Amino acid sequence: MSVDIGRIMAIDYGTRRIGVALSDPLRMIAQGFETISWNGEDIDFVMNRIFELMTQKQVVGVVVGRPRRTDGQESKLQQDIDAFSQSIFDKTGIRVIYWDERYTTVIANRQMQEVNISGANRKKMVDNMAAQIILREYLEKNRTSL
């Protein structure tokens, strides 16, 4: 992503829920935005919502979590994520950057536990929070000095 100003969207892709986080236009803050619940089959529903958000929020870049196993090998979910990412590129022309998302769900659960968010509420928020962690790590790694 060569554009230095504009929102970045991070996506934590799952077969039941997809977490979405957005940066501010200056890419200083990563904020959890939405969790898209779906049945794992109606990908058109998911894609329509993603494209709607990208348009509304003027997204110029997309980071998608790449789930690798602890041994570094690709997960079974990777083919679905590759097709999902290709659809984003085909529709918008924005290339998706993959980000190692190992342990983001564990970190998100731990952070919510530390602030006493209950198990039921935690389950609803974990994917959104995982996307926020992915985005925060991406922004920190790619922040340029002023």
Protein backbone atom coordinates (compact mmCIF):
# COMPACT_ATOMS: atom_id res chain seq x y z
CA MET A 1 0.00 0.00 0.00
CA SER A 2 1.74 3.11 -1.19
CA VAL A 3 -0.90 5.68 -0.19
CA ASP A 4 0.18 7.41 3.05
CA ILE A 5 -3.20 8.83 4.05
CA GLY A 6 -6.48 6.97 4.21
CA ARG A 7 -8.14 4.30 6.28
CA ILE A 8 -6.83 0.79 6.49
CA MET A 9 -9.27 -2.05 7.14
CA ALA A 10 -8.16 -5.18 8.96
CA ILE A 11 -10.14 -8.40 8.73
CA ASP A 12 -10.07 -11.42 11.01
CA TYR A 13 -11.73 -14.00 8.75
CA GLY A 14 -13.65 -16.89 10.29
CA THR A 15 -16.28 -19.38 9.21
CA ARG A 16 -18.88 -18.03 11.67
CA ARG A 17 -17.76 -14.48 12.41
CA ILE A 18 -15.55 -11.96 10.65
CA GLY A 19 -13.97 -9.22 12.72
CA VAL A 20 -13.46 -5.84 11.08
CA ALA A 21 -11.25 -3.03 12.38
CA LEU A 22 -10.54 0.37 10.86
CA SER A 23 -7.78 2.90 11.24
CA ASP A 24 -8.28 6.61 11.32
CA PRO A 25 -7.33 8.38 8.03
CA LEU A 26 -3.86 9.25 9.40
CA ARG A 27 -3.29 5.62 10.42
CA MET A 28 -2.50 6.40 14.02
CA ILE A 29 -5.32 4.49 15.75
CA ALA A 30 -6.68 0.99 15.23
CA GLN A 31 -10.26 0.59 16.34
CA GLY A 32 -12.50 -2.47 16.32
CA PHE A 33 -15.48 -1.62 14.16
CA GLU A 34 -17.82 -4.54 13.51
CA THR A 35 -18.29 -8.28 13.72
CA ILE A 36 -20.06 -9.79 10.73
CA SER A 37 -21.92 -12.95 11.70
CA TRP A 38 -22.56 -15.39 8.90
CA ASN A 39 -23.37 -19.03 8.18
CA GLY A 40 -20.06 -19.90 6.51
CA GLU A 41 -21.77 -20.34 3.16
CA ASP A 42 -23.29 -17.04 2.00
CA ILE A 43 -20.04 -15.34 1.02
CA ASP A 44 -21.96 -12.81 -1.12
CA PHE A 45 -23.55 -11.45 2.07
CA VAL A 46 -20.12 -10.99 3.62
CA MET A 47 -18.54 -9.48 0.53
CA ASN A 48 -21.40 -7.01 0.09
CA ARG A 49 -20.98 -5.83 3.69
CA ILE A 50 -17.19 -5.53 3.32
CA PHE A 51 -17.55 -3.52 0.08
CA GLU A 52 -20.20 -1.32 1.67
CA LEU A 53 -17.90 -0.54 4.60
CA MET A 54 -14.94 0.06 2.31
CA THR A 55 -16.95 2.61 0.32
CA GLN A 56 -18.56 4.32 3.34
CA LYS A 57 -15.30 4.60 5.25
CA GLN A 58 -13.13 5.38 2.21
CA VAL A 59 -10.78 2.47 2.80
CA VAL A 60 -7.55 2.58 0.78
CA GLY A 61 -5.87 -0.57 2.09
CA VAL A 62 -6.82 -3.97 3.47
CA VAL A 63 -4.94 -6.27 5.83
CA VAL A 64 -6.26 -9.80 6.32
CA GLY A 65 -5.11 -12.11 9.07
CA ARG A 66 -3.35 -15.20 7.76
CA PRO A 67 -3.89 -18.06 10.17
CA ARG A 68 -0.81 -20.23 10.33
CA ARG A 69 -0.40 -23.21 12.54
CA THR A 70 2.17 -23.01 15.31
CA ASP A 71 4.58 -25.01 13.10
CA GLY A 72 4.35 -22.24 10.47
CA GLN A 73 2.34 -24.25 7.94
CA GLU A 74 -0.81 -22.86 6.34
CA SER A 75 -4.12 -23.64 7.98
CA LYS A 76 -7.04 -25.32 6.23
CA LEU A 77 -8.80 -21.95 6.17
CA GLN A 78 -6.12 -20.36 3.98
CA GLN A 79 -7.74 -21.32 0.65
CA ASP A 80 -10.97 -19.61 1.70
CA ILE A 81 -9.03 -16.53 2.79
CA ASP A 82 -7.12 -16.45 -0.51
CA ALA A 83 -10.41 -16.54 -2.48
CA PHE A 84 -11.90 -13.88 -0.19
CA SER A 85 -8.83 -11.65 -0.64
CA GLN A 86 -8.86 -12.14 -4.41
CA SER A 87 -12.52 -11.04 -4.48
CA ILE A 88 -11.59 -7.84 -2.64
CA PHE A 89 -8.86 -7.14 -5.19
CA ASP A 90 -11.09 -8.00 -8.18
CA LYS A 91 -13.85 -5.66 -7.01
CA THR A 92 -11.76 -2.76 -5.69
CA GLY A 93 -8.29 -3.01 -7.21
CA ILE A 94 -6.87 -2.88 -3.68
CA ARG A 95 -4.29 -5.57 -3.01
CA VAL A 96 -4.74 -7.38 0.27
CA ILE A 97 -1.77 -7.62 2.60
CA TYR A 98 -1.62 -10.77 4.69
CA TRP A 99 -0.64 -10.51 8.34
CA ASP A 100 0.36 -13.34 10.66
CA GLU A 101 -2.55 -13.62 13.05
CA ARG A 102 -1.27 -16.42 15.25
CA TYR A 103 -2.38 -15.89 18.83
CA THR A 104 -4.49 -12.78 18.13
CA THR A 105 -7.62 -14.54 19.41
CA VAL A 106 -5.75 -15.70 22.51
CA ILE A 107 -4.46 -12.16 23.11
CA ALA A 108 -7.93 -10.70 22.54
CA ASN A 109 -9.50 -13.15 25.01
CA ARG A 110 -6.82 -12.41 27.60
CA GLN A 111 -7.27 -8.64 27.26
CA MET A 112 -11.03 -8.92 27.65
CA GLN A 113 -10.64 -11.21 30.63
CA GLU A 114 -8.32 -8.67 32.27
CA VAL A 115 -11.07 -6.04 32.10
CA ASN A 116 -13.71 -8.50 33.31
CA ILE A 117 -15.70 -8.91 30.11
CA SER A 118 -17.86 -11.98 30.62
CA GLY A 119 -17.56 -15.16 28.55
CA ALA A 120 -20.81 -14.56 26.64
CA ASN A 121 -19.90 -10.98 25.75
CA ARG A 122 -16.31 -12.00 25.05
CA LYS A 123 -17.45 -14.51 22.41
CA LYS A 124 -19.36 -11.75 20.60
CA MET A 125 -16.39 -9.37 20.67
CA VAL A 126 -13.34 -11.59 20.19
CA ASP A 127 -13.19 -11.47 16.37
CA ASN A 128 -13.59 -7.70 16.34
CA MET A 129 -10.81 -7.38 18.92
CA ALA A 130 -8.58 -9.81 16.98
CA ALA A 131 -9.00 -7.63 13.86
CA GLN A 132 -8.05 -4.62 15.95
CA ILE A 133 -4.87 -6.38 17.13
CA ILE A 134 -3.97 -7.32 13.54
CA LEU A 135 -4.46 -3.70 12.47
CA ARG A 136 -2.57 -2.25 15.43
CA GLU A 137 0.42 -4.53 14.74
CA TYR A 138 0.34 -3.64 11.04
CA LEU A 139 0.16 0.10 11.74
CA GLU A 140 2.98 -0.06 14.29
CA LYS A 141 5.22 -2.00 11.92
CA ASN A 142 4.51 0.35 8.99
CA ARG A 143 4.47 3.69 10.77
CA THR A 144 6.81 6.18 9.16
CA SER A 145 8.78 8.73 11.14
CA LEU A 146 7.75 12.36 10.74
